[in-house]
Amino acid sequence: MAVAVLAGVMTTQPSFAQGKKTLAFVVNVPADFWQIARRGTEKAQSELPNYNIEFYIPGEMSAAAQKRILEDLLAKGVAGVSISPVNPDNSTEILNQVAAKAVLFTQDADAPQSNRALYIGTDNVAAGRQAGEQMMKALPDGGKAMVFVGTLDAANARERLQGIKEAIAGSKIEIIDVRTDGGDQAKAKANVEDTLTKYPDIDLLVGLWAYNTPQIYNAVKAAGKGGSLKIVGFDEDQQTLKGISEGVIDATVVQQPYEFGYQSMIYLAKYIEGDRSFIPENKQRIVPTQVIDKSNVKDFAAKVRELLKK
């Protein structure tokens, strides 16, 4: 059985025993992306002395693993939770249980059918369109593409793919298939290796999640095809940024995970204290995305390294 990894922001005794209200940030899979979000929660902790903030990483990428974390948090009396749901469609019941007893936000991936009070994160359809635009820039004359992601059960994956398809509609780019890996990074790399073998004429590889693009990079480099294939990805993994600097990866669409962490905790506290003024009518606070390519990767990579080393 997978064990949830608790990485508390506080270094004192367990927060639930201290008499302060606890806010929890729950992610979907281990990745540098979430370490940047952790920095945001740490910043929020410095501004919220009357709360304890805790950071949870499930031992496996599954709705069941997240459900165990949420049940444990409810049993301990958590006051607020911000979660990136792995499979929102299959998690509505447990999410609503949380919403009935605590304040529930979603971040990174939404669960609009649940009773969550707010979504903080990317407009993933719009981000997908940005990726699609980079795909057309990489292949102006068209070509064959393969897409890689952890699971299409997650809303952010489906929405990014939707945005990509909208952007490339009418172009000569053909998406052959979408390969999923269930959050297993070894399988993520194997999916790329299999694609390179099965489709030797593939032109473009696209990674939708933070770890997918590094595994594309690793597989392409190992196959000796660095620079001969086009690669477009998401997020700011160190290997992704290295690949852009080397000219192996064309571009990546980056989010702002620091803001996911910071805003989630700050606004949970505000909500608990009775302030609802920050909630838009559609209950979504959109955090803008940015395209990183060779023109701006140096400065951006320096900022990411600074966040990760803190």
C-alpha atoms as a PDB file:
ATOM      1  CA  MET A   1       0.000   0.000   0.000  1.00  0.00           C
ATOM      2  CA  ALA A   2       1.324   3.398  -0.955  1.00  0.00           C
ATOM      3  CA  VAL A   3       2.139   5.628   1.967  1.00  0.00           C
ATOM      4  CA  ALA A   4       1.440   9.344   1.832  1.00  0.00           C
ATOM      5  CA  VAL A   5       4.550  11.421   2.325  1.00  0.00           C
ATOM      6  CA  LEU A   6       3.936  14.271   4.744  1.00  0.00           C
ATOM      7  CA  ALA A   7       6.263  17.171   4.277  1.00  0.00           C
ATOM      8  CA  GLY A   8       5.141  19.715   6.831  1.00  0.00           C
ATOM      9  CA  VAL A   9       6.176  23.298   6.352  1.00  0.00           C
ATOM     10  CA  MET A  10       6.432  23.666  10.109  1.00  0.00           C
ATOM     11  CA  THR A  11       9.340  22.088  11.966  1.00  0.00           C
ATOM     12  CA  THR A  12       7.790  22.084  15.432  1.00  0.00           C
ATOM     13  CA  GLN A  13       5.525  19.474  17.035  1.00  0.00           C
ATOM     14  CA  PRO A  14       2.624  18.043  14.963  1.00  0.00           C
ATOM     15  CA  SER A  15       0.388  20.948  14.043  1.00  0.00           C
ATOM     16  CA  PHE A  16      -2.930  19.340  14.875  1.00  0.00           C
ATOM     17  CA  ALA A  17      -1.924  19.257  18.543  1.00  0.00           C
ATOM     18  CA  GLN A  18      -0.942  22.912  18.781  1.00  0.00           C
ATOM     19  CA  GLY A  19      -4.384  24.521  18.929  1.00  0.00           C
ATOM     20  CA  LYS A  20      -3.869  26.407  15.670  1.00  0.00           C
ATOM     21  CA  LYS A  21      -6.009  25.802  12.623  1.00  0.00           C
ATOM     22  CA  THR A  22      -4.323  23.674   9.982  1.00  0.00           C
ATOM     23  CA  LEU A  23      -4.300  24.276   6.246  1.00  0.00           C
ATOM     24  CA  ALA A  24      -3.217  21.444   3.943  1.00  0.00           C
ATOM     25  CA  PHE A  25      -1.803  21.565   0.419  1.00  0.00           C
ATOM     26  CA  VAL A  26      -2.225  18.223  -1.370  1.00  0.00           C
ATOM     27  CA  VAL A  27      -0.455  17.492  -4.662  1.00  0.00           C
ATOM     28  CA  ASN A  28      -0.840  14.706  -7.220  1.00  0.00           C
ATOM     29  CA  VAL A  29       2.675  13.371  -7.912  1.00  0.00           C
ATOM     30  CA  PRO A  30       6.283  14.127  -6.849  1.00  0.00           C
ATOM     31  CA  ALA A  31       7.942  16.717  -9.141  1.00  0.00           C
ATOM     32  CA  ASP A  32      10.119  19.831  -8.971  1.00  0.00           C
ATOM     33  CA  PHE A  33       6.976  21.697  -9.989  1.00  0.00           C
ATOM     34  CA  TRP A  34       5.527  20.995  -6.557  1.00  0.00           C
ATOM     35  CA  GLN A  35       8.736  21.928  -4.770  1.00  0.00           C
ATOM     36  CA  ILE A  36       8.267  25.410  -6.220  1.00  0.00           C
ATOM     37  CA  ALA A  37       4.666  25.384  -4.964  1.00  0.00           C
ATOM     38  CA  ARG A  38       6.028  24.421  -1.542  1.00  0.00           C
ATOM     39  CA  ARG A  39       8.074  27.628  -1.518  1.00  0.00           C
ATOM     40  CA  GLY A  40       4.819  29.514  -1.994  1.00  0.00           C
ATOM     41  CA  THR A  41       3.234  27.753   0.976  1.00  0.00           C
ATOM     42  CA  GLU A  42       6.310  28.570   3.057  1.00  0.00           C
ATOM     43  CA  LYS A  43       5.946  32.241   2.173  1.00  0.00           C
ATOM     44  CA  ALA A  44       2.295  32.068   3.178  1.00  0.00           C
ATOM     45  CA  GLN A  45       3.244  30.404   6.476  1.00  0.00           C
ATOM     46  CA  SER A  46       5.495  33.370   7.308  1.00  0.00           C
ATOM     47  CA  GLU A  47       2.460  35.641   6.899  1.00  0.00           C
ATOM     48  CA  LEU A  48      -0.023  33.409   8.750  1.00  0.00           C
ATOM     49  CA  PRO A  49       1.346  32.897  12.277  1.00  0.00           C
ATOM     50  CA  ASN A  50      -2.067  31.783  13.552  1.00  0.00           C
ATOM     51  CA  TYR A  51      -2.183  28.818  11.176  1.00  0.00           C
ATOM     52  CA  ASN A  52      -0.145  25.709  10.548  1.00  0.00           C
ATOM     53  CA  ILE A  53       0.458  24.788   6.916  1.00  0.00           C
ATOM     54  CA  GLU A  54       1.233  21.252   5.842  1.00  0.00           C
ATOM     55  CA  PHE A  55       2.254  19.839   2.476  1.00  0.00           C
ATOM     56  CA  TYR A  56       1.225  16.353   1.340  1.00  0.00           C
ATOM     57  CA  ILE A  57       2.581  14.242  -1.538  1.00  0.00           C
ATOM     58  CA  PRO A  58       0.751  10.944  -2.193  1.00  0.00           C
ATOM     59  CA  GLY A  59       2.882   7.832  -2.423  1.00  0.00           C
ATOM     60  CA  GLU A  60       1.334   7.047  -5.801  1.00  0.00           C
ATOM     61  CA  MET A  61      -0.582   9.012  -8.393  1.00  0.00           C
ATOM     62  CA  SER A  62      -4.114   7.811  -7.731  1.00  0.00           C
ATOM     63  CA  ALA A  63      -7.455   9.063  -6.483  1.00  0.00           C
ATOM     64  CA  ALA A  64      -7.324   6.335  -3.836  1.00  0.00           C
ATOM     65  CA  ALA A  65      -4.040   7.639  -2.404  1.00  0.00           C
ATOM     66  CA  GLN A  66      -5.419  11.170  -2.250  1.00  0.00           C
ATOM     67  CA  LYS A  67      -8.609   9.864  -0.641  1.00  0.00           C
ATOM     68  CA  ARG A  68      -6.584   8.320   2.191  1.00  0.00           C
ATOM     69  CA  ILE A  69      -4.836  11.639   2.784  1.00  0.00           C
ATOM     70  CA  LEU A  70      -8.130  13.533   2.830  1.00  0.00           C
ATOM     71  CA  GLU A  71      -9.783  11.047   5.189  1.00  0.00           C
ATOM     72  CA  ASP A  72      -6.847  11.376   7.567  1.00  0.00           C
ATOM     73  CA  LEU A  73      -7.029  15.169   7.411  1.00  0.00           C
ATOM     74  CA  LEU A  74     -10.758  15.114   8.160  1.00  0.00           C
ATOM     75  CA  ALA A  75     -10.211  12.807  11.113  1.00  0.00           C
ATOM     76  CA  LYS A  76      -7.683  15.264  12.504  1.00  0.00           C
ATOM     77  CA  GLY A  77      -9.947  18.298  12.011  1.00  0.00           C
ATOM     78  CA  VAL A  78      -8.253  20.181   9.190  1.00  0.00           C
ATOM     79  CA  ALA A  79      -9.662  23.688   8.607  1.00  0.00           C
ATOM     80  CA  GLY A  80      -8.828  24.086   4.923  1.00  0.00           C
ATOM     81  CA  VAL A  81      -7.545  21.989   2.025  1.00  0.00           C
ATOM     82  CA  SER A  82      -6.218  22.936  -1.399  1.00  0.00           C
ATOM     83  CA  ILE A  83      -5.810  19.922  -3.685  1.00  0.00           C
ATOM     84  CA  SER A  84      -4.816  19.038  -7.227  1.00  0.00           C
ATOM     85  CA  PRO A  85      -7.216  16.115  -7.791  1.00  0.00           C
ATOM     86  CA  VAL A  86      -5.824  13.214  -9.828  1.00  0.00           C
ATOM     87  CA  ASN A  87      -9.259  12.082 -10.964  1.00  0.00           C
ATOM     88  CA  PRO A  88     -11.901  14.684 -10.115  1.00  0.00           C
ATOM     89  CA  ASP A  89     -14.756  12.711 -11.654  1.00  0.00           C
ATOM     90  CA  ASN A  90     -14.109   9.783  -9.322  1.00  0.00           C
ATOM     91  CA  SER A  91     -13.306  11.959  -6.309  1.00  0.00           C
ATOM     92  CA  THR A  92     -16.474  14.024  -6.015  1.00  0.00           C
ATOM     93  CA  GLU A  93     -17.749  12.154  -2.963  1.00  0.00           C
ATOM     94  CA  ILE A  94     -14.603  12.557  -0.853  1.00  0.00           C
ATOM     95  CA  LEU A  95     -14.120  16.147  -2.048  1.00  0.00           C
ATOM     96  CA  ASN A  96     -17.656  16.980  -0.967  1.00  0.00           C
ATOM     97  CA  GLN A  97     -17.017  15.330   2.399  1.00  0.00           C
ATOM     98  CA  VAL A  98     -14.075  17.694   2.832  1.00  0.00           C
ATOM     99  CA  ALA A  99     -16.148  20.679   1.678  1.00  0.00           C
ATOM    100  CA  ALA A 100     -18.828  19.832   4.272  1.00  0.00           C
ATOM    101  CA  LYS A 101     -16.364  20.002   7.163  1.00  0.00           C
ATOM    102  CA  ALA A 102     -13.626  22.361   5.982  1.00  0.00           C
ATOM    103  CA  VAL A 103     -12.924  24.931   3.281  1.00  0.00           C
ATOM    104  CA  LEU A 104     -12.061  23.191   0.014  1.00  0.00           C
ATOM    105  CA  PHE A 105     -10.089  24.743  -2.846  1.00  0.00           C
ATOM    106  CA  THR A 106      -8.729  23.036  -5.929  1.00  0.00           C
ATOM    107  CA  GLN A 107      -5.478  24.099  -7.579  1.00  0.00           C
ATOM    108  CA  ASP A 108      -3.631  23.038 -10.736  1.00  0.00           C
ATOM    109  CA  ALA A 109      -6.526  20.760 -11.792  1.00  0.00           C
ATOM    110  CA  ASP A 110     -10.131  21.644 -11.085  1.00  0.00           C
ATOM    111  CA  ALA A 111     -13.104  19.579  -9.885  1.00  0.00           C
ATOM    112  CA  PRO A 112     -16.006  21.817 -10.934  1.00  0.00           C
ATOM    113  CA  GLN A 113     -18.638  19.157 -10.161  1.00  0.00           C
ATOM    114  CA  SER A 114     -17.594  19.173  -6.500  1.00  0.00           C
ATOM    115  CA  ASN A 115     -18.523  21.698  -3.819  1.00  0.00           C
ATOM    116  CA  ARG A 116     -15.103  23.325  -3.895  1.00  0.00           C
ATOM    117  CA  ALA A 117     -15.227  27.012  -3.039  1.00  0.00           C
ATOM    118  CA  LEU A 118     -12.526  28.146  -5.460  1.00  0.00           C
ATOM    119  CA  TYR A 119     -10.108  26.948  -8.152  1.00  0.00           C
ATOM    120  CA  ILE A 120      -6.664  28.579  -8.225  1.00  0.00           C
ATOM    121  CA  GLY A 121      -4.509  27.823 -11.224  1.00  0.00           C
ATOM    122  CA  THR A 122      -4.051  27.823 -14.948  1.00  0.00           C
ATOM    123  CA  ASP A 123      -6.665  28.177 -17.644  1.00  0.00           C
ATOM    124  CA  ASN A 124      -5.526  24.869 -19.073  1.00  0.00           C
ATOM    125  CA  VAL A 125      -7.417  25.188 -22.341  1.00  0.00           C
ATOM    126  CA  ALA A 126      -5.673  28.503 -22.975  1.00  0.00           C
ATOM    127  CA  ALA A 127      -2.331  26.966 -21.972  1.00  0.00           C
ATOM    128  CA  GLY A 128      -3.002  24.128 -24.396  1.00  0.00           C
ATOM    129  CA  ARG A 129      -3.573  26.674 -27.145  1.00  0.00           C
ATOM    130  CA  GLN A 130      -0.201  28.224 -26.329  1.00  0.00           C
ATOM    131  CA  ALA A 131       1.410  24.798 -26.658  1.00  0.00           C
ATOM    132  CA  GLY A 132      -0.436  24.235 -29.925  1.00  0.00           C
ATOM    133  CA  GLU A 133       0.912  27.524 -31.260  1.00  0.00           C
ATOM    134  CA  GLN A 134       4.446  26.387 -30.371  1.00  0.00           C
ATOM    135  CA  MET A 135       3.793  23.074 -32.149  1.00  0.00           C
ATOM    136  CA  MET A 136       2.829  24.940 -35.327  1.00  0.00           C
ATOM    137  CA  LYS A 137       5.882  27.166 -34.964  1.00  0.00           C
ATOM    138  CA  ALA A 138       8.056  24.053 -34.675  1.00  0.00           C
ATOM    139  CA  LEU A 139       6.352  22.325 -37.622  1.00  0.00           C
ATOM    140  CA  PRO A 140       5.148  25.082 -39.978  1.00  0.00           C
ATOM    141  CA  ASP A 141       4.737  22.551 -42.796  1.00  0.00           C
ATOM    142  CA  GLY A 142       2.976  20.003 -40.585  1.00  0.00           C
ATOM    143  CA  GLY A 143       3.984  16.521 -39.457  1.00  0.00           C
ATOM    144  CA  LYS A 144       3.170  13.692 -37.067  1.00  0.00           C
ATOM    145  CA  ALA A 145       3.010  14.265 -33.302  1.00  0.00           C
ATOM    146  CA  MET A 146       2.685  12.075 -30.221  1.00  0.00           C
ATOM    147  CA  VAL A 147       1.396  13.381 -26.891  1.00  0.00           C
ATOM    148  CA  PHE A 148       2.473  12.052 -23.474  1.00  0.00           C
ATOM    149  CA  VAL A 149       0.789  12.567 -20.077  1.00  0.00           C
ATOM    150  CA  GLY A 150       0.233  10.828 -16.749  1.00  0.00           C
ATOM    151  CA  THR A 151      -3.515  10.340 -17.138  1.00  0.00           C
ATOM    152  CA  LEU A 152      -6.379  11.813 -19.120  1.00  0.00           C
ATOM    153  CA  ASP A 153      -8.591  11.406 -16.041  1.00  0.00           C
ATOM    154  CA  ALA A 154      -7.217  14.709 -14.725  1.00  0.00           C
ATOM    155  CA  ALA A 155      -9.032  17.824 -15.898  1.00  0.00           C
ATOM    156  CA  ASN A 156      -5.827  19.720 -16.644  1.00  0.00           C
ATOM    157  CA  ALA A 157      -4.643  16.973 -19.019  1.00  0.00           C
ATOM    158  CA  ARG A 158      -7.932  16.853 -20.901  1.00  0.00           C
ATOM    159  CA  GLU A 159      -8.143  20.625 -21.100  1.00  0.00           C
ATOM    160  CA  ARG A 160      -4.569  21.058 -22.335  1.00  0.00           C
ATOM    161  CA  LEU A 161      -5.181  18.477 -25.028  1.00  0.00           C
ATOM    162  CA  GLN A 162      -8.399  20.261 -25.966  1.00  0.00           C
ATOM    163  CA  GLY A 163      -6.535  23.559 -26.295  1.00  0.00           C
ATOM    164  CA  ILE A 164      -3.824  21.962 -28.424  1.00  0.00           C
ATOM    165  CA  LYS A 165      -6.406  20.469 -30.769  1.00  0.00           C
ATOM    166  CA  GLU A 166      -8.160  23.830 -31.056  1.00  0.00           C
ATOM    167  CA  ALA A 167      -4.894  25.583 -31.896  1.00  0.00           C
ATOM    168  CA  ILE A 168      -3.735  23.102 -34.543  1.00  0.00           C
ATOM    169  CA  ALA A 169      -7.149  22.649 -36.157  1.00  0.00           C
ATOM    170  CA  GLY A 170      -6.804  23.214 -39.884  1.00  0.00           C
ATOM    171  CA  SER A 171      -3.028  22.757 -39.813  1.00  0.00           C
ATOM    172  CA  LYS A 172      -1.133  19.798 -41.240  1.00  0.00           C
ATOM    173  CA  ILE A 173      -0.082  18.555 -37.805  1.00  0.00           C
ATOM    174  CA  GLU A 174      -1.519  15.117 -37.014  1.00  0.00           C
ATOM    175  CA  ILE A 175      -1.652  13.818 -33.428  1.00  0.00           C
ATOM    176  CA  ILE A 176      -1.166  10.062 -33.796  1.00  0.00           C
ATOM    177  CA  ASP A 177      -2.050   9.155 -30.216  1.00  0.00           C
ATOM    178  CA  VAL A 178      -1.856  10.086 -26.533  1.00  0.00           C
ATOM    179  CA  ARG A 179       0.279   7.818 -24.349  1.00  0.00           C
ATOM    180  CA  THR A 180      -0.390   7.716 -20.586  1.00  0.00           C
ATOM    181  CA  ASP A 181       1.899   6.453 -17.834  1.00  0.00           C
ATOM    182  CA  GLY A 182      -0.095   6.596 -14.593  1.00  0.00           C
ATOM    183  CA  GLY A 183       2.508   8.829 -12.959  1.00  0.00           C
ATOM    184  CA  ASP A 184       5.274   6.228 -13.416  1.00  0.00           C
ATOM    185  CA  GLN A 185       8.285   8.108 -14.753  1.00  0.00           C
ATOM    186  CA  ALA A 186      10.019   4.925 -15.913  1.00  0.00           C
ATOM    187  CA  LYS A 187       6.938   4.121 -17.966  1.00  0.00           C
ATOM    188  CA  ALA A 188       6.852   7.706 -19.202  1.00  0.00           C
ATOM    189  CA  LYS A 189      10.330   7.251 -20.668  1.00  0.00           C
ATOM    190  CA  ALA A 190       9.448   3.786 -21.995  1.00  0.00           C
ATOM    191  CA  ASN A 191       6.434   5.279 -23.789  1.00  0.00           C
ATOM    192  CA  VAL A 192       8.752   7.666 -25.611  1.00  0.00           C
ATOM    193  CA  GLU A 193      11.228   4.898 -26.434  1.00  0.00           C
ATOM    194  CA  ASP A 194       8.422   2.765 -27.840  1.00  0.00           C
ATOM    195  CA  THR A 195       7.189   5.692 -29.926  1.00  0.00           C
ATOM    196  CA  LEU A 196      10.645   6.293 -31.394  1.00  0.00           C
ATOM    197  CA  THR A 197      10.843   2.616 -32.354  1.00  0.00           C
ATOM    198  CA  LYS A 198       7.294   2.200 -33.640  1.00  0.00           C
ATOM    199  CA  TYR A 199       7.150   5.550 -35.443  1.00  0.00           C
ATOM    200  CA  PRO A 200      10.658   6.283 -36.790  1.00  0.00           C
ATOM    201  CA  ASP A 201       9.207   9.095 -38.907  1.00  0.00           C
ATOM    202  CA  ILE A 202       7.640  10.910 -35.913  1.00  0.00           C
ATOM    203  CA  ASP A 203       8.255  14.658 -36.107  1.00  0.00           C
ATOM    204  CA  LEU A 204       7.112  16.097 -32.784  1.00  0.00           C
ATOM    205  CA  LEU A 205       6.823  14.885 -29.186  1.00  0.00           C
ATOM    206  CA  VAL A 206       4.636  16.762 -26.686  1.00  0.00           C
ATOM    207  CA  GLY A 207       4.703  16.397 -22.879  1.00  0.00           C
ATOM    208  CA  LEU A 208       1.642  17.634 -20.987  1.00  0.00           C
ATOM    209  CA  TRP A 209       2.851  17.193 -17.389  1.00  0.00           C
ATOM    210  CA  ALA A 210       5.947  18.457 -15.613  1.00  0.00           C
ATOM    211  CA  TYR A 211       7.847  15.161 -15.685  1.00  0.00           C
ATOM    212  CA  ASN A 212       6.824  14.115 -19.205  1.00  0.00           C
ATOM    213  CA  THR A 213       9.053  16.550 -21.063  1.00  0.00           C
ATOM    214  CA  PRO A 214      12.224  15.566 -19.137  1.00  0.00           C
ATOM    215  CA  GLN A 215      11.519  11.912 -19.932  1.00  0.00           C
ATOM    216  CA  ILE A 216      11.042  12.825 -23.598  1.00  0.00           C
ATOM    217  CA  TYR A 217      14.376  14.645 -23.427  1.00  0.00           C
ATOM    218  CA  ASN A 218      16.105  11.655 -21.801  1.00  0.00           C
ATOM    219  CA  ALA A 219      14.750   9.149 -24.324  1.00  0.00           C
ATOM    220  CA  VAL A 220      15.514  11.324 -27.337  1.00  0.00           C
ATOM    221  CA  LYS A 221      19.062  11.998 -26.135  1.00  0.00           C
ATOM    222  CA  ALA A 222      19.649   8.289 -25.438  1.00  0.00           C
ATOM    223  CA  ALA A 223      18.449   7.452 -28.943  1.00  0.00           C
ATOM    224  CA  GLY A 224      20.882   9.933 -30.453  1.00  0.00           C
ATOM    225  CA  LYS A 225      18.054  11.997 -31.916  1.00  0.00           C
ATOM    226  CA  GLY A 226      18.605  15.227 -30.012  1.00  0.00           C
ATOM    227  CA  GLY A 227      17.975  18.125 -32.379  1.00  0.00           C
ATOM    228  CA  SER A 228      16.416  15.964 -35.097  1.00  0.00           C
ATOM    229  CA  LEU A 229      12.969  15.899 -33.470  1.00  0.00           C
ATOM    230  CA  LYS A 230      10.805  18.767 -32.302  1.00  0.00           C
ATOM    231  CA  ILE A 231       9.752  18.809 -28.634  1.00  0.00           C
ATOM    232  CA  VAL A 232       7.168  21.006 -26.904  1.00  0.00           C
ATOM    233  CA  GLY A 233       6.298  20.614 -23.237  1.00  0.00           C
ATOM    234  CA  PHE A 234       4.821  22.037 -20.084  1.00  0.00           C
ATOM    235  CA  ASP A 235       6.341  23.346 -16.869  1.00  0.00           C
ATOM    236  CA  GLU A 236       9.804  24.258 -15.678  1.00  0.00           C
ATOM    237  CA  ASP A 237      11.630  21.057 -14.745  1.00  0.00           C
ATOM    238  CA  GLN A 238      15.380  21.610 -14.676  1.00  0.00           C
ATOM    239  CA  GLN A 239      15.968  19.095 -17.479  1.00  0.00           C
ATOM    240  CA  THR A 240      13.321  20.766 -19.605  1.00  0.00           C
ATOM    241  CA  LEU A 241      15.053  24.118 -19.237  1.00  0.00           C
ATOM    242  CA  LYS A 242      18.419  22.476 -19.934  1.00  0.00           C
ATOM    243  CA  GLY A 243      16.971  20.914 -23.070  1.00  0.00           C
ATOM    244  CA  ILE A 244      15.762  24.299 -24.293  1.00  0.00           C
ATOM    245  CA  SER A 245      19.187  25.817 -23.629  1.00  0.00           C
ATOM    246  CA  GLU A 246      20.778  22.995 -25.645  1.00  0.00           C
ATOM    247  CA  GLY A 247      18.342  23.391 -28.527  1.00  0.00           C
ATOM    248  CA  VAL A 248      16.905  19.895 -28.016  1.00  0.00           C
ATOM    249  CA  ILE A 249      13.533  21.165 -26.738  1.00  0.00           C
ATOM    250  CA  ASP A 250      11.779  23.911 -28.688  1.00  0.00           C
ATOM    251  CA  ALA A 251       9.575  25.431 -25.990  1.00  0.00           C
ATOM    252  CA  THR A 252       7.663  24.831 -22.778  1.00  0.00           C
ATOM    253  CA  VAL A 253       4.518  26.452 -21.395  1.00  0.00           C
ATOM    254  CA  VAL A 254       5.159  27.273 -17.762  1.00  0.00           C
ATOM    255  CA  GLN A 255       2.668  27.872 -14.983  1.00  0.00           C
ATOM    256  CA  GLN A 256       3.280  29.632 -11.679  1.00  0.00           C
ATOM    257  CA  PRO A 257       3.258  26.879  -9.030  1.00  0.00           C
ATOM    258  CA  TYR A 258       4.687  29.298  -6.466  1.00  0.00           C
ATOM    259  CA  GLU A 259       1.462  31.278  -6.772  1.00  0.00           C
ATOM    260  CA  PHE A 260      -0.621  28.094  -6.504  1.00  0.00           C
ATOM    261  CA  GLY A 261       0.969  27.429  -3.136  1.00  0.00           C
ATOM    262  CA  TYR A 262       0.987  30.992  -1.847  1.00  0.00           C
ATOM    263  CA  GLN A 263      -2.479  32.040  -2.983  1.00  0.00           C
ATOM    264  CA  SER A 264      -4.093  28.788  -1.844  1.00  0.00           C
ATOM    265  CA  MET A 265      -2.963  29.249   1.735  1.00  0.00           C
ATOM    266  CA  ILE A 266      -3.548  33.015   1.944  1.00  0.00           C
ATOM    267  CA  TYR A 267      -7.046  32.763   0.517  1.00  0.00           C
ATOM    268  CA  LEU A 268      -7.984  29.718   2.591  1.00  0.00           C
ATOM    269  CA  ALA A 269      -7.182  31.767   5.686  1.00  0.00           C
ATOM    270  CA  LYS A 270      -9.200  34.722   4.396  1.00  0.00           C
ATOM    271  CA  TYR A 271     -12.174  32.468   3.635  1.00  0.00           C
ATOM    272  CA  ILE A 272     -12.050  30.887   7.089  1.00  0.00           C
ATOM    273  CA  GLU A 273     -12.028  34.378   8.595  1.00  0.00           C
ATOM    274  CA  GLY A 274     -15.157  35.360   6.639  1.00  0.00           C
ATOM    275  CA  ASP A 275     -13.676  37.229   3.661  1.00  0.00           C
ATOM    276  CA  ARG A 276     -15.188  36.136   0.317  1.00  0.00           C
ATOM    277  CA  SER A 277     -14.309  39.269  -1.664  1.00  0.00           C
ATOM    278  CA  PHE A 278     -11.516  37.556  -3.606  1.00  0.00           C
ATOM    279  CA  ILE A 279     -13.796  34.912  -5.160  1.00  0.00           C
ATOM    280  CA  PRO A 280     -14.847  35.727  -8.752  1.00  0.00           C
ATOM    281  CA  GLU A 281     -18.358  34.933  -9.922  1.00  0.00           C
ATOM    282  CA  ASN A 282     -17.114  31.844 -11.779  1.00  0.00           C
ATOM    283  CA  LYS A 283     -15.131  30.699  -8.708  1.00  0.00           C
ATOM    284  CA  GLN A 284     -11.863  30.582 -10.647  1.00  0.00           C
ATOM    285  CA  ARG A 285      -8.717  32.626  -9.969  1.00  0.00           C
ATOM    286  CA  ILE A 286      -6.630  32.196 -13.106  1.00  0.00           C
ATOM    287  CA  VAL A 287      -2.839  32.409 -12.813  1.00  0.00           C
ATOM    288  CA  PRO A 288      -1.266  33.344 -16.186  1.00  0.00           C
ATOM    289  CA  THR A 289       1.127  31.080 -18.104  1.00  0.00           C
ATOM    290  CA  GLN A 290       4.243  31.961 -20.100  1.00  0.00           C
ATOM    291  CA  VAL A 291       6.106  30.415 -23.037  1.00  0.00           C
ATOM    292  CA  ILE A 292       9.786  29.714 -22.404  1.00  0.00           C
ATOM    293  CA  ASP A 293      12.072  29.184 -25.385  1.00  0.00           C
ATOM    294  CA  LYS A 294      15.704  29.839 -26.205  1.00  0.00           C
ATOM    295  CA  SER A 295      15.124  33.609 -26.169  1.00  0.00           C
ATOM    296  CA  ASN A 296      14.266  33.791 -22.462  1.00  0.00           C
ATOM    297  CA  VAL A 297      15.320  30.484 -20.917  1.00  0.00           C
ATOM    298  CA  LYS A 298      18.553  31.744 -19.311  1.00  0.00           C
ATOM    299  CA  ASP A 299      16.937  34.321 -17.046  1.00  0.00           C
ATOM    300  CA  PHE A 300      13.938  32.111 -16.283  1.00  0.00           C
ATOM    301  CA  ALA A 301      16.125  29.114 -15.376  1.00  0.00           C
ATOM    302  CA  ALA A 302      18.096  31.270 -12.938  1.00  0.00           C
ATOM    303  CA  LYS A 303      14.864  32.244 -11.147  1.00  0.00           C
ATOM    304  CA  VAL A 304      13.770  28.603 -10.898  1.00  0.00           C
ATOM    305  CA  ARG A 305      17.138  27.507  -9.495  1.00  0.00           C
ATOM    306  CA  GLU A 306      16.864  30.204  -6.848  1.00  0.00           C
ATOM    307  CA  LEU A 307      13.425  28.978  -5.787  1.00  0.00           C
ATOM    308  CA  LEU A 308      14.484  25.327  -5.654  1.00  0.00           C
ATOM    309  CA  LYS A 309      17.596  25.884  -3.556  1.00  0.00           C
ATOM    310  CA  LYS A 310      15.835  27.803  -0.784  1.00  0.00           C
END
